[in-house]
């Protein structure tokens, strides 16, 4: 069992965290005494910009649509970078504060919702009717994956970051969808790629919630000696 969000069991396993460039960037931020909470808020700023880009992309044509979709893809990755760096600055450089766990989780949920809902409305703007509810559904299910993980932590278990549609997987799928959408005119599509991506994300989140809930239930049974 674990009690602190800083313990290894409660940190999302990321290969990029051990990269030299990531360590150098985190060190620079730590030396500059940048607050991890401020970095977390930066992730929301990137999400707001990326969400705006996704929403606008559905209503423009040609090079403008490509530019907005590319901006959205870049913002998704910058959001993930900020999410990684806030934890590195907090843990490796001792800059975490008492309220750190709140600002580590809450901006993530906001950013997820901004990107997924905006993608849905971007699909609607492109002329497809089912985008809005798929975006909202993907958002609710994404939040539910985090809820089950935090429920497990609240019950004393290590955080469960299993997929197939944990946060990095969702954002990877959305990034790829943005990049592929840039080339949609080549085969006569407009918004279908993002629509499919939202459906895949939603379905993957259902599987993720099911898996995490099953693992948590198994842990509780073992804890009770059953």
Protein backbone atom coordinates (compact mmCIF):
# COMPACT_ATOMS: atom_id res chain seq x y z
CA UNK A 1 0.00 0.00 0.00
CA UNK A 2 1.05 3.59 -0.58
CA UNK A 3 0.11 6.90 0.95
CA UNK A 4 1.91 9.63 -0.94
CA UNK A 5 1.43 10.78 -4.53
CA UNK A 6 5.21 11.23 -4.84
CA UNK A 7 6.01 7.56 -4.29
CA UNK A 8 7.15 5.59 -7.37
CA UNK A 9 4.01 3.44 -7.33
CA UNK A 10 1.87 6.55 -7.82
CA UNK A 11 3.81 8.11 -10.70
CA UNK A 12 2.80 7.37 -14.24
CA UNK A 13 5.56 5.28 -15.89
CA UNK A 14 7.01 7.38 -18.73
CA UNK A 15 10.08 6.47 -20.74
CA UNK A 16 10.57 10.11 -21.76
CA UNK A 17 11.04 11.08 -18.11
CA UNK A 18 14.48 9.43 -18.19
CA UNK A 19 15.51 11.19 -21.42
CA UNK A 20 18.46 13.55 -21.11
CA UNK A 21 16.59 16.48 -22.65
CA UNK A 22 13.69 16.04 -20.22
CA UNK A 23 16.04 15.98 -17.26
CA UNK A 24 17.86 19.08 -18.49
CA UNK A 25 14.60 20.97 -19.00
CA UNK A 26 13.30 19.97 -15.56
CA UNK A 27 16.61 21.01 -13.99
CA UNK A 28 16.44 24.40 -15.69
CA UNK A 29 12.91 24.94 -14.44
CA UNK A 30 13.88 23.81 -10.95
CA UNK A 31 16.84 26.19 -10.83
CA UNK A 32 14.59 28.99 -12.03
CA UNK A 33 12.32 28.14 -9.09
CA UNK A 34 9.32 27.69 -11.36
CA UNK A 35 6.38 26.32 -9.41
CA UNK A 36 5.10 22.88 -10.48
CA UNK A 37 1.59 24.28 -10.05
CA UNK A 38 2.37 26.99 -12.60
CA UNK A 39 3.56 24.32 -15.03
CA UNK A 40 0.30 22.45 -14.46
CA UNK A 41 -1.67 25.59 -15.28
CA UNK A 42 0.43 25.97 -18.43
CA UNK A 43 -0.88 22.59 -19.57
CA UNK A 44 -4.42 24.00 -19.36
CA UNK A 45 -3.36 27.03 -21.39
CA UNK A 46 -2.03 24.73 -24.10
CA UNK A 47 -5.27 22.75 -23.94
CA UNK A 48 -7.35 25.90 -24.35
CA UNK A 49 -5.34 26.95 -27.40
CA UNK A 50 -5.45 23.44 -28.87
CA UNK A 51 -9.18 23.15 -28.22
CA UNK A 52 -9.79 26.45 -29.99
CA UNK A 53 -7.73 25.19 -32.93
CA UNK A 54 -9.74 21.97 -33.11
CA UNK A 55 -13.02 23.84 -33.01
CA UNK A 56 -12.02 26.29 -35.73
CA UNK A 57 -10.50 23.61 -37.95
CA UNK A 58 -13.88 22.24 -38.91
CA UNK A 59 -15.10 25.53 -40.36
CA UNK A 60 -12.16 26.44 -42.60
CA UNK A 61 -10.77 25.01 -45.80
CA UNK A 62 -7.44 24.27 -47.43
CA UNK A 63 -4.27 25.59 -45.86
CA UNK A 64 -6.15 27.20 -43.01
CA UNK A 65 -7.60 23.86 -41.91
CA UNK A 66 -4.16 22.24 -42.12
CA UNK A 67 -2.63 25.01 -40.01
CA UNK A 68 -5.29 24.75 -37.28
CA UNK A 69 -5.03 20.95 -37.13
CA UNK A 70 -1.24 21.16 -36.91
CA UNK A 71 -1.51 23.71 -34.10
CA UNK A 72 -3.91 21.40 -32.26
CA UNK A 73 -1.49 18.46 -32.58
CA UNK A 74 1.41 20.59 -31.28
CA UNK A 75 -0.68 21.83 -28.34
CA UNK A 76 -1.62 18.26 -27.40
CA UNK A 77 2.05 17.33 -27.19
CA UNK A 78 2.95 20.51 -25.29
CA UNK A 79 0.18 19.70 -22.82
CA UNK A 80 1.72 16.27 -22.24
CA UNK A 81 5.17 17.82 -21.87
CA UNK A 82 3.87 20.19 -19.20
CA UNK A 83 2.15 17.27 -17.45
CA UNK A 84 5.47 15.42 -17.29
CA UNK A 85 7.58 18.39 -16.24
CA UNK A 86 5.36 19.47 -13.35
CA UNK A 87 5.90 16.11 -11.65
CA UNK A 88 9.62 16.09 -12.38
CA UNK A 89 10.11 19.57 -10.95
CA UNK A 90 7.98 18.70 -7.92
CA UNK A 91 9.66 15.37 -7.13
CA UNK A 92 13.20 15.44 -8.48
CA UNK A 93 13.78 19.07 -7.56
CA UNK A 94 11.76 19.27 -4.36
CA UNK A 95 9.47 22.08 -5.51
CA UNK A 96 6.18 20.38 -4.67
CA UNK A 97 3.76 22.12 -2.32
CA UNK A 98 0.99 20.88 -0.02
CA UNK A 99 -1.67 21.45 -2.68
CA UNK A 100 0.45 19.87 -5.42
CA UNK A 101 -1.63 16.69 -5.75
CA UNK A 102 -4.71 18.82 -6.51
CA UNK A 103 -3.02 20.80 -9.27
CA UNK A 104 -1.43 17.65 -10.62
CA UNK A 105 -4.83 16.03 -11.23
CA UNK A 106 -7.39 18.79 -11.75
CA UNK A 107 -5.72 20.45 -14.78
CA UNK A 108 -5.46 17.01 -16.40
CA UNK A 109 -9.20 16.51 -16.24
CA UNK A 110 -9.84 20.02 -17.59
CA UNK A 111 -7.36 19.55 -20.44
CA UNK A 112 -8.85 16.18 -21.40
CA UNK A 113 -12.31 17.68 -21.58
CA UNK A 114 -11.20 20.70 -23.58
CA UNK A 115 -9.48 18.62 -26.24
CA UNK A 116 -12.10 15.90 -26.59
CA UNK A 117 -15.18 18.13 -26.52
CA UNK A 118 -13.56 20.59 -28.94
CA UNK A 119 -12.69 17.75 -31.29
CA UNK A 120 -16.34 16.73 -31.26
CA UNK A 121 -17.58 20.21 -32.10
CA UNK A 122 -14.88 20.53 -34.73
CA UNK A 123 -16.34 17.44 -36.37
CA UNK A 124 -19.82 19.01 -36.23
CA UNK A 125 -18.46 22.18 -37.85
CA UNK A 126 -17.01 19.98 -40.59
CA UNK A 127 -20.53 18.74 -41.34
CA UNK A 128 -20.87 15.49 -39.35
CA UNK A 129 -23.73 15.31 -36.87
CA UNK A 130 -22.44 12.78 -34.34
CA UNK A 131 -19.28 14.57 -33.25
CA UNK A 132 -20.67 16.53 -30.30
CA UNK A 133 -22.08 13.64 -28.32
CA UNK A 134 -19.05 11.47 -29.09
CA UNK A 135 -16.77 14.21 -27.79
CA UNK A 136 -18.76 14.51 -24.59
CA UNK A 137 -18.96 10.74 -24.18
CA UNK A 138 -15.19 10.40 -24.62
CA UNK A 139 -14.70 13.14 -22.03
CA UNK A 140 -16.94 11.52 -19.43
CA UNK A 141 -15.29 8.15 -19.94
CA UNK A 142 -11.81 9.70 -19.76
CA UNK A 143 -12.68 11.27 -16.42
CA UNK A 144 -14.08 7.92 -15.29
CA UNK A 145 -10.75 6.19 -15.99
CA UNK A 146 -9.06 8.71 -13.68
CA UNK A 147 -11.80 8.31 -11.08
CA UNK A 148 -11.29 4.55 -10.87
CA UNK A 149 -7.53 5.07 -10.54
CA UNK A 150 -7.98 7.61 -7.73
CA UNK A 151 -10.61 5.40 -6.08
CA UNK A 152 -8.00 2.68 -5.88
CA UNK A 153 -5.48 5.08 -4.38
CA UNK A 154 -8.06 6.22 -1.85
CA UNK A 155 -8.50 2.59 -0.83
CA UNK A 156 -4.76 2.27 -0.25
CA UNK A 157 -3.58 0.70 -3.51
CA UNK A 158 -0.92 1.92 -5.91
CA UNK A 159 -2.21 4.03 -8.78
CA UNK A 160 -3.32 1.93 -11.74
CA UNK A 161 -2.21 3.55 -15.01
CA UNK A 162 -3.14 0.59 -17.21
CA UNK A 163 -4.73 1.11 -20.64
CA UNK A 164 -5.60 0.56 -23.36
CA UNK A 165 -6.75 4.20 -23.28
CA UNK A 166 -4.94 5.94 -20.43
CA UNK A 167 -4.16 9.65 -20.84
CA UNK A 168 -1.02 9.27 -23.01
CA UNK A 169 -2.86 6.81 -25.26
CA UNK A 170 -5.84 9.16 -25.65
CA UNK A 171 -3.64 12.06 -26.53
CA UNK A 172 -1.56 9.95 -28.94
CA UNK A 173 -4.74 8.86 -30.73
CA UNK A 174 -5.97 12.44 -30.94
CA UNK A 175 -2.60 13.72 -32.17
CA UNK A 176 -2.46 11.09 -34.91
CA UNK A 177 -6.05 11.91 -35.87
CA UNK A 178 -5.17 15.60 -36.22
CA UNK A 179 -2.19 14.82 -38.44
CA UNK A 180 -4.12 12.35 -40.61
CA UNK A 181 -7.01 14.82 -40.88
CA UNK A 182 -4.66 17.28 -42.55
CA UNK A 183 -4.56 14.95 -45.56
CA UNK A 184 -8.27 14.04 -45.63
CA UNK A 185 -9.01 16.00 -48.85
CA UNK A 186 -6.84 13.47 -50.69
CA UNK A 187 -9.51 10.79 -50.25
CA UNK A 188 -12.59 13.00 -49.98
CA UNK A 189 -13.12 13.01 -46.22
CA UNK A 190 -13.83 15.96 -43.95
CA UNK A 191 -13.94 15.25 -40.22
CA UNK A 192 -14.34 11.48 -40.43
CA UNK A 193 -10.85 10.82 -39.05
CA UNK A 194 -11.51 12.79 -35.86
CA UNK A 195 -14.93 11.17 -35.55
CA UNK A 196 -13.37 7.70 -35.73
CA UNK A 197 -10.67 8.75 -33.25
CA UNK A 198 -13.29 9.90 -30.73
CA UNK A 199 -15.16 6.60 -31.10
CA UNK A 200 -11.93 4.64 -30.60
CA UNK A 201 -11.02 6.74 -27.55
CA UNK A 202 -14.47 6.26 -26.03
CA UNK A 203 -14.43 2.50 -26.63
CA UNK A 204 -10.89 2.23 -25.30
CA UNK A 205 -11.87 4.15 -22.17
CA UNK A 206 -14.70 1.68 -21.54
CA UNK A 207 -12.19 -1.18 -21.69
CA UNK A 208 -9.78 0.75 -19.46
CA UNK A 209 -12.44 1.40 -16.82
CA UNK A 210 -13.45 -2.26 -16.95
CA UNK A 211 -9.85 -3.45 -16.53
CA UNK A 212 -9.01 -1.04 -13.73
CA UNK A 213 -12.23 -1.81 -11.88
CA UNK A 214 -11.57 -5.55 -12.20
CA UNK A 215 -8.01 -5.17 -10.90
CA UNK A 216 -9.23 -3.06 -8.00
CA UNK A 217 -11.94 -5.56 -7.11
CA UNK A 218 -9.38 -8.36 -7.23
CA UNK A 219 -7.09 -6.42 -4.92
CA UNK A 220 -9.90 -5.83 -2.44
CA UNK A 221 -10.81 -9.52 -2.46
CA UNK A 222 -7.20 -10.48 -1.83
CA UNK A 223 -6.98 -7.91 0.93
CA UNK A 224 -10.04 -9.44 2.56
CA UNK A 225 -8.50 -12.90 2.30
CA UNK A 226 -11.10 -14.26 -0.08
